[in-house]
Amino acid sequence: MPPFDPELSAALAAMGDEPRESVTPRNLASWQERDAATRPRPTVEDLRADGRFEVAELRVPGPSDGPDVTLVSARPAGLTGPLPLLYYMHGGAMIMGNAWSVLPRILREWALPLELAVISVEYRLAPRTQYPGPLEDCYAGLVWAAGHAGQLDIDADRVLIGGKSAGGGLAAALALLTRDRGGPVPRGQLLLCPMLDDRDSTFSSHQMTGLGTWDLTSNATAWKALLGDRYGAADLPPYVAPSRATDLSGLPPAYIEVGSAEMFRDEDVAYANAIWQAGGQAELHVWPGAYHGFDSLAPRAALSQDARDARIRWLRRVLA
């Protein structure tokens, strides 16, 4: 296996063994309970950070066969004029996470320096809601936001979609779906260590089994939770798992990053290559010695700082 970066390795060792326990069908419910109990869920007042940000929770129409969708809308306080928008989907392998926990860091690192509005989507989680429910929640929220740009004081021509891990996979799927439905046209797609391939057949997915923070067993459990009886089917649409897409033309420019020492490495590199082969734009970063979620677990590591700098440079270019 590629060696872990020394700073990242030290941070991983400091976590102990429990966070690296694989998710299985047997312990999935306990993982979800623990995540709901321990993952931060800041309130609107917390997110306002003593008036630095304007924050609101919005309930908007969901898919035709689903409930309303909650969007958490935030922007730096005191800015006038339509702002560009980052429409963001949280990580958690489609089985964990929430829309609130990701916002403090996004607001601090991106919204303030870039004068950017952010909407974080509270999509339904598997296995209670299986495909296409979570993706349709994200699409419904995007359509609503684009259609209410004036109310939100955002620039409908400068909307980025993005996410991390499962959220990165949803962002990639959303780019395909809105292209094929003729929906809102994003300016770019920010795909951070995206979860793209349900088949778990790449070399890296097996090379990293039992290592790092997310492995083959956990990944298969998450895909089974999302797909149910359709898990492993040959005819799944690309909106389930974007790595299955055969037509990647006409997509917005992509920023794709992944670690060299994580199971998603090969599927993410292949996705960038497929975008290039289709004539599209993609900026690919493979961070040496990085495992899944490295920058969250070791935010002060030199590699994490490099990754943050690269992301913000891309965001500036795409929004300019």
Protein backbone atom coordinates (compact mmCIF):
# COMPACT_ATOMS: atom_id res chain seq x y z
CA MET A 1 0.00 0.00 0.00
CA PRO A 2 1.16 3.60 -0.45
CA PRO A 3 2.58 4.80 2.88
CA PHE A 4 0.56 7.29 4.88
CA ASP A 5 1.93 10.80 5.19
CA PRO A 6 3.74 10.93 8.59
CA GLU A 7 1.58 13.75 10.01
CA LEU A 8 -1.60 12.06 8.84
CA SER A 9 -0.45 8.71 10.20
CA ALA A 10 0.10 10.23 13.63
CA ALA A 11 -3.41 11.73 13.59
CA LEU A 12 -4.90 8.37 12.61
CA ALA A 13 -3.03 6.55 15.37
CA ALA A 14 -4.30 9.08 17.92
CA MET A 15 -7.89 8.17 17.05
CA GLY A 16 -7.60 4.65 18.46
CA ASP A 17 -9.32 1.61 17.00
CA GLU A 18 -13.02 2.37 17.43
CA PRO A 19 -13.46 4.91 14.59
CA ARG A 20 -11.82 2.42 12.20
CA GLU A 21 -14.28 -0.38 12.95
CA SER A 22 -15.87 -1.42 9.65
CA VAL A 23 -19.56 -0.77 9.09
CA THR A 24 -21.47 -4.00 8.49
CA PRO A 25 -25.17 -4.76 8.01
CA ARG A 26 -25.19 -6.10 11.56
CA ASN A 27 -23.78 -2.96 13.22
CA LEU A 28 -25.17 -0.35 10.80
CA ALA A 29 -27.99 0.72 13.12
CA SER A 30 -25.60 1.23 16.03
CA TRP A 31 -23.26 3.26 13.78
CA GLN A 32 -26.17 5.48 12.79
CA GLU A 33 -27.28 5.93 16.39
CA ARG A 34 -23.75 6.82 17.47
CA ASP A 35 -23.36 9.24 14.58
CA ALA A 36 -26.65 10.98 15.35
CA ALA A 37 -25.63 11.31 19.00
CA THR A 38 -22.06 12.50 18.53
CA ARG A 39 -21.82 14.36 15.23
CA PRO A 40 -22.11 18.12 15.78
CA ARG A 41 -25.44 19.68 14.84
CA PRO A 42 -25.03 23.40 15.41
CA THR A 43 -28.16 25.50 15.75
CA VAL A 44 -28.99 28.45 13.53
CA GLU A 45 -27.82 30.73 16.32
CA ASP A 46 -24.53 28.82 16.57
CA LEU A 47 -23.99 29.15 12.82
CA ARG A 48 -24.60 32.90 12.94
CA ALA A 49 -21.37 33.14 14.95
CA ASP A 50 -22.21 36.35 16.81
CA GLY A 51 -23.58 38.03 13.71
CA ARG A 52 -20.84 37.13 11.23
CA PHE A 53 -23.30 35.15 9.09
CA GLU A 54 -26.94 35.33 8.07
CA VAL A 55 -28.47 31.86 8.45
CA ALA A 56 -31.93 30.42 7.83
CA GLU A 57 -33.49 26.98 7.68
CA LEU A 58 -35.82 26.62 4.70
CA ARG A 59 -38.45 23.98 3.99
CA VAL A 60 -38.95 23.71 0.23
CA PRO A 61 -40.98 21.38 -2.00
CA GLY A 62 -39.33 17.99 -2.37
CA PRO A 63 -39.66 15.34 -5.08
CA SER A 64 -43.16 14.69 -6.40
CA ASP A 65 -43.41 11.49 -4.36
CA GLY A 66 -41.45 12.67 -1.33
CA PRO A 67 -41.57 15.07 1.61
CA ASP A 68 -40.35 18.63 1.70
CA VAL A 69 -36.58 19.15 1.79
CA THR A 70 -34.73 21.15 4.44
CA LEU A 71 -32.08 23.55 3.16
CA VAL A 72 -29.74 25.41 5.49
CA SER A 73 -28.95 28.73 3.84
CA ALA A 74 -26.01 30.85 5.05
CA ARG A 75 -23.97 33.81 3.84
CA PRO A 76 -21.56 36.38 5.27
CA ALA A 77 -23.51 39.16 6.97
CA GLY A 78 -23.75 42.62 5.49
CA LEU A 79 -23.00 41.78 1.86
CA THR A 80 -25.28 43.33 -0.74
CA GLY A 81 -25.97 42.26 -4.29
CA PRO A 82 -26.44 38.72 -5.62
CA LEU A 83 -23.73 36.38 -4.34
CA PRO A 84 -22.44 33.23 -6.02
CA LEU A 85 -23.82 30.06 -4.43
CA LEU A 86 -22.21 26.83 -3.32
CA TYR A 87 -24.93 24.17 -3.19
CA TYR A 88 -23.40 21.55 -0.91
CA MET A 89 -24.12 17.92 0.00
CA HIS A 90 -22.64 16.49 3.19
CA GLY A 91 -20.70 13.26 3.48
CA GLY A 92 -21.47 10.16 5.53
CA ALA A 93 -21.63 7.33 2.97
CA MET A 94 -25.34 8.00 2.32
CA ILE A 95 -26.08 6.49 5.74
CA MET A 96 -24.85 9.18 8.18
CA GLY A 97 -24.23 12.90 8.52
CA ASN A 98 -26.35 16.04 8.51
CA ALA A 99 -26.57 19.37 6.72
CA TRP A 100 -25.60 21.49 9.74
CA SER A 101 -22.32 19.89 10.84
CA VAL A 102 -20.38 20.81 7.70
CA LEU A 103 -21.28 24.49 7.70
CA PRO A 104 -18.95 26.07 10.29
CA ARG A 105 -15.88 25.03 8.35
CA ILE A 106 -17.35 25.85 4.93
CA LEU A 107 -18.42 29.29 6.09
CA ARG A 108 -15.03 30.01 7.64
CA GLU A 109 -12.85 28.65 4.83
CA TRP A 110 -14.88 29.48 1.72
CA ALA A 111 -17.86 31.74 2.32
CA LEU A 112 -15.97 34.53 4.08
CA PRO A 113 -12.91 34.85 1.81
CA LEU A 114 -14.88 34.30 -1.41
CA GLU A 115 -18.02 36.27 -0.41
CA LEU A 116 -20.02 33.18 -1.18
CA ALA A 117 -23.52 32.06 -0.21
CA VAL A 118 -23.92 28.43 0.83
CA ILE A 119 -26.88 26.07 0.89
CA SER A 120 -26.42 22.73 2.64
CA VAL A 121 -28.98 20.03 1.83
CA GLU A 122 -30.53 17.72 4.42
CA TYR A 123 -31.22 14.76 2.13
CA ARG A 124 -32.81 11.55 3.41
CA LEU A 125 -30.47 8.75 4.44
CA ALA A 126 -30.34 5.04 3.60
CA PRO A 127 -31.51 2.43 4.32
CA ARG A 128 -34.71 4.17 5.41
CA THR A 129 -34.72 5.99 2.08
CA GLN A 130 -33.11 4.21 -0.85
CA TYR A 131 -32.16 5.37 -4.33
CA PRO A 132 -33.40 7.58 -5.94
CA GLY A 133 -34.76 9.36 -2.85
CA PRO A 134 -31.58 11.11 -1.61
CA LEU A 135 -30.59 12.31 -5.09
CA GLU A 136 -34.11 13.52 -5.85
CA ASP A 137 -34.07 15.51 -2.61
CA CYS A 138 -30.87 17.22 -3.77
CA TYR A 139 -32.29 17.90 -7.24
CA ALA A 140 -35.52 19.36 -5.86
CA GLY A 141 -33.57 21.68 -3.60
CA LEU A 142 -31.32 22.84 -6.44
CA VAL A 143 -34.27 23.56 -8.72
CA TRP A 144 -35.98 25.54 -5.96
CA ALA A 145 -32.86 27.55 -5.15
CA ALA A 146 -32.22 28.42 -8.80
CA GLY A 147 -35.86 29.40 -9.24
CA HIS A 148 -35.81 31.64 -6.17
CA ALA A 149 -32.47 33.34 -6.82
CA GLY A 150 -33.98 36.78 -6.28
CA GLN A 151 -35.48 35.82 -2.93
CA LEU A 152 -32.17 34.29 -1.84
CA ASP A 153 -30.14 37.19 -3.30
CA ILE A 154 -27.90 34.81 -5.23
CA ASP A 155 -26.53 34.90 -8.77
CA ALA A 156 -28.26 32.07 -10.65
CA ASP A 157 -25.48 32.11 -13.25
CA ARG A 158 -22.80 31.42 -10.63
CA VAL A 159 -24.01 28.31 -8.82
CA LEU A 160 -21.51 25.62 -7.89
CA ILE A 161 -22.49 22.15 -6.71
CA GLY A 162 -20.21 20.22 -4.42
CA GLY A 163 -19.77 17.69 -1.68
CA LYS A 164 -17.40 15.38 0.10
CA SER A 165 -17.33 11.57 0.04
CA ALA A 166 -20.98 10.50 -0.43
CA GLY A 167 -21.79 14.17 -0.93
CA GLY A 168 -19.20 14.30 -3.71
CA GLY A 169 -20.87 11.32 -5.34
CA LEU A 170 -24.24 13.04 -5.06
CA ALA A 171 -22.78 16.21 -6.58
CA ALA A 172 -21.40 14.23 -9.54
CA ALA A 173 -24.75 12.47 -9.97
CA LEU A 174 -26.58 15.79 -9.71
CA ALA A 175 -24.43 17.24 -12.49
CA LEU A 176 -25.46 14.32 -14.73
CA LEU A 177 -29.12 14.51 -13.72
CA THR A 178 -29.56 18.25 -14.22
CA ARG A 179 -27.77 18.00 -17.59
CA ASP A 180 -30.13 15.26 -18.77
CA ARG A 181 -33.29 16.88 -17.41
CA GLY A 182 -32.43 20.34 -18.67
CA GLY A 183 -32.33 21.70 -15.14
CA PRO A 184 -30.19 24.47 -13.65
CA VAL A 185 -26.71 24.65 -15.18
CA PRO A 186 -23.96 24.70 -12.52
CA ARG A 187 -20.81 26.75 -13.02
CA GLY A 188 -18.68 23.89 -11.65
CA GLN A 189 -18.68 20.74 -9.55
CA LEU A 190 -16.48 20.37 -6.47
CA LEU A 191 -15.92 16.64 -5.85
CA LEU A 192 -13.89 15.93 -2.71
CA CYS A 193 -12.89 12.24 -2.39
CA PRO A 194 -16.21 11.35 -4.07
CA MET A 195 -17.94 7.99 -3.62
CA LEU A 196 -18.65 7.11 -7.25
CA ASP A 197 -18.64 3.35 -7.89
CA ASP A 198 -20.94 0.75 -6.33
CA ARG A 199 -19.09 -2.17 -7.92
CA ASP A 200 -16.05 -2.04 -5.58
CA SER A 201 -13.88 -3.66 -8.23
CA THR A 202 -10.95 -1.25 -8.48
CA PHE A 203 -7.44 -2.15 -7.39
CA SER A 204 -7.37 0.54 -4.69
CA SER A 205 -10.66 -0.60 -3.15
CA HIS A 206 -9.03 -3.97 -2.42
CA GLN A 207 -5.52 -2.63 -1.77
CA MET A 208 -6.77 -0.51 1.13
CA THR A 209 -9.04 -3.11 2.74
CA GLY A 210 -8.90 -2.77 6.51
CA LEU A 211 -6.67 0.31 6.33
CA GLY A 212 -7.29 4.01 6.85
CA THR A 213 -10.68 5.41 7.81
CA TRP A 214 -13.01 3.80 5.23
CA ASP A 215 -12.65 0.36 3.68
CA LEU A 216 -14.26 -2.12 1.33
CA THR A 217 -16.52 -3.71 3.95
CA SER A 218 -17.93 -0.37 5.05
CA ASN A 219 -18.36 0.81 1.48
CA ALA A 220 -20.23 -2.32 0.42
CA THR A 221 -22.51 -1.96 3.45
CA ALA A 222 -23.35 1.62 2.48
CA TRP A 223 -24.10 0.75 -1.14
CA LYS A 224 -26.30 -2.18 -0.06
CA ALA A 225 -28.19 0.15 2.27
CA LEU A 226 -28.77 2.62 -0.57
CA LEU A 227 -29.67 0.09 -3.25
CA GLY A 228 -31.39 -2.74 -1.37
CA ASP A 229 -32.37 -5.54 -3.73
CA ARG A 230 -30.86 -3.64 -6.66
CA TYR A 231 -27.35 -3.90 -5.21
CA GLY A 232 -25.05 -5.45 -7.83
CA ALA A 233 -27.55 -5.10 -10.68
CA ALA A 234 -25.98 -4.65 -14.10
CA ASP A 235 -28.55 -2.12 -15.32
CA LEU A 236 -28.24 0.55 -12.65
CA PRO A 237 -28.40 4.10 -14.09
CA PRO A 238 -25.39 6.40 -13.83
CA TYR A 239 -27.29 8.65 -11.41
CA VAL A 240 -26.86 5.89 -8.81
CA ALA A 241 -23.10 5.63 -9.25
CA PRO A 242 -21.52 8.15 -11.65
CA SER A 243 -18.65 5.79 -12.47
CA ARG A 244 -21.20 3.82 -14.49
CA ALA A 245 -21.82 6.79 -16.80
CA THR A 246 -20.86 6.25 -20.43
CA ASP A 247 -21.48 9.85 -21.51
CA LEU A 248 -19.64 12.53 -19.53
CA SER A 249 -19.93 15.22 -22.17
CA GLY A 250 -21.54 18.56 -21.45
CA LEU A 251 -20.73 18.61 -17.75
CA PRO A 252 -19.55 21.65 -15.79
CA PRO A 253 -15.82 21.89 -14.97
CA ALA A 254 -14.88 19.54 -12.17
CA TYR A 255 -12.45 19.71 -9.29
CA ILE A 256 -11.66 16.16 -8.16
CA GLU A 257 -9.40 15.33 -5.26
CA VAL A 258 -8.56 12.06 -3.53
CA GLY A 259 -5.79 10.55 -1.42
CA SER A 260 -3.24 8.13 -2.81
CA ALA A 261 -3.84 5.88 0.22
CA GLU A 262 -7.63 5.52 0.15
CA MET A 263 -9.98 3.10 -1.54
CA PHE A 264 -11.66 5.75 -3.73
CA ARG A 265 -8.36 6.64 -5.44
CA ASP A 266 -8.76 4.61 -8.62
CA GLU A 267 -12.45 5.34 -9.26
CA ASP A 268 -11.87 9.07 -8.79
CA VAL A 269 -8.81 9.16 -11.06
CA ALA A 270 -10.74 7.17 -13.67
CA TYR A 271 -13.64 9.63 -13.46
CA ALA A 272 -11.37 12.60 -14.12
CA ASN A 273 -9.84 10.74 -17.06
CA ALA A 274 -13.29 9.93 -18.47
CA ILE A 275 -14.25 13.62 -18.30
CA TRP A 276 -11.09 14.52 -20.25
CA GLN A 277 -11.80 11.81 -22.82
CA ALA A 278 -15.29 13.29 -23.28
CA GLY A 279 -13.76 16.70 -23.99
CA GLY A 280 -14.57 18.19 -20.60
CA GLN A 281 -12.58 20.07 -17.97
CA ALA A 282 -11.35 18.48 -14.76
CA GLU A 283 -8.66 19.43 -12.30
CA LEU A 284 -7.38 16.34 -10.47
CA HIS A 285 -5.39 16.25 -7.23
CA VAL A 286 -4.12 12.98 -5.74
CA TRP A 287 -2.65 13.89 -2.37
CA PRO A 288 0.32 11.63 -1.58
CA GLY A 289 -0.09 9.53 1.55
CA ALA A 290 -3.58 10.86 2.26
CA TYR A 291 -6.41 8.65 3.52
CA HIS A 292 -10.14 9.31 3.31
CA GLY A 293 -11.14 12.50 5.11
CA PHE A 294 -7.54 13.37 5.95
CA ASP A 295 -8.02 17.13 6.12
CA SER A 296 -10.82 16.84 8.68
CA LEU A 297 -8.86 14.49 10.94
CA ALA A 298 -5.55 16.34 10.64
CA PRO A 299 -6.46 19.93 9.73
CA ARG A 300 -3.07 21.36 10.71
CA ALA A 301 -1.00 18.90 8.66
CA ALA A 302 0.96 20.46 5.80
CA LEU A 303 -0.85 18.25 3.27
CA SER A 304 -4.24 19.37 4.59
CA GLN A 305 -3.24 23.01 4.24
CA ASP A 306 -2.07 22.39 0.67
CA ALA A 307 -5.40 20.76 -0.15
CA ARG A 308 -7.37 23.69 1.27
CA ASP A 309 -5.26 26.16 -0.70
CA ALA A 310 -5.76 24.24 -3.95
CA ARG A 311 -9.53 24.12 -3.48
CA ILE A 312 -9.88 27.83 -2.86
CA ARG A 313 -7.70 28.67 -5.88
CA TRP A 314 -9.99 26.56 -8.08
CA LEU A 315 -13.10 28.17 -6.58
CA ARG A 316 -11.72 31.65 -7.28
CA ARG A 317 -10.99 30.75 -10.91
CA VAL A 318 -14.36 29.17 -11.57
CA LEU A 319 -16.28 32.02 -9.97
CA ALA A 320 -14.26 34.81 -11.61
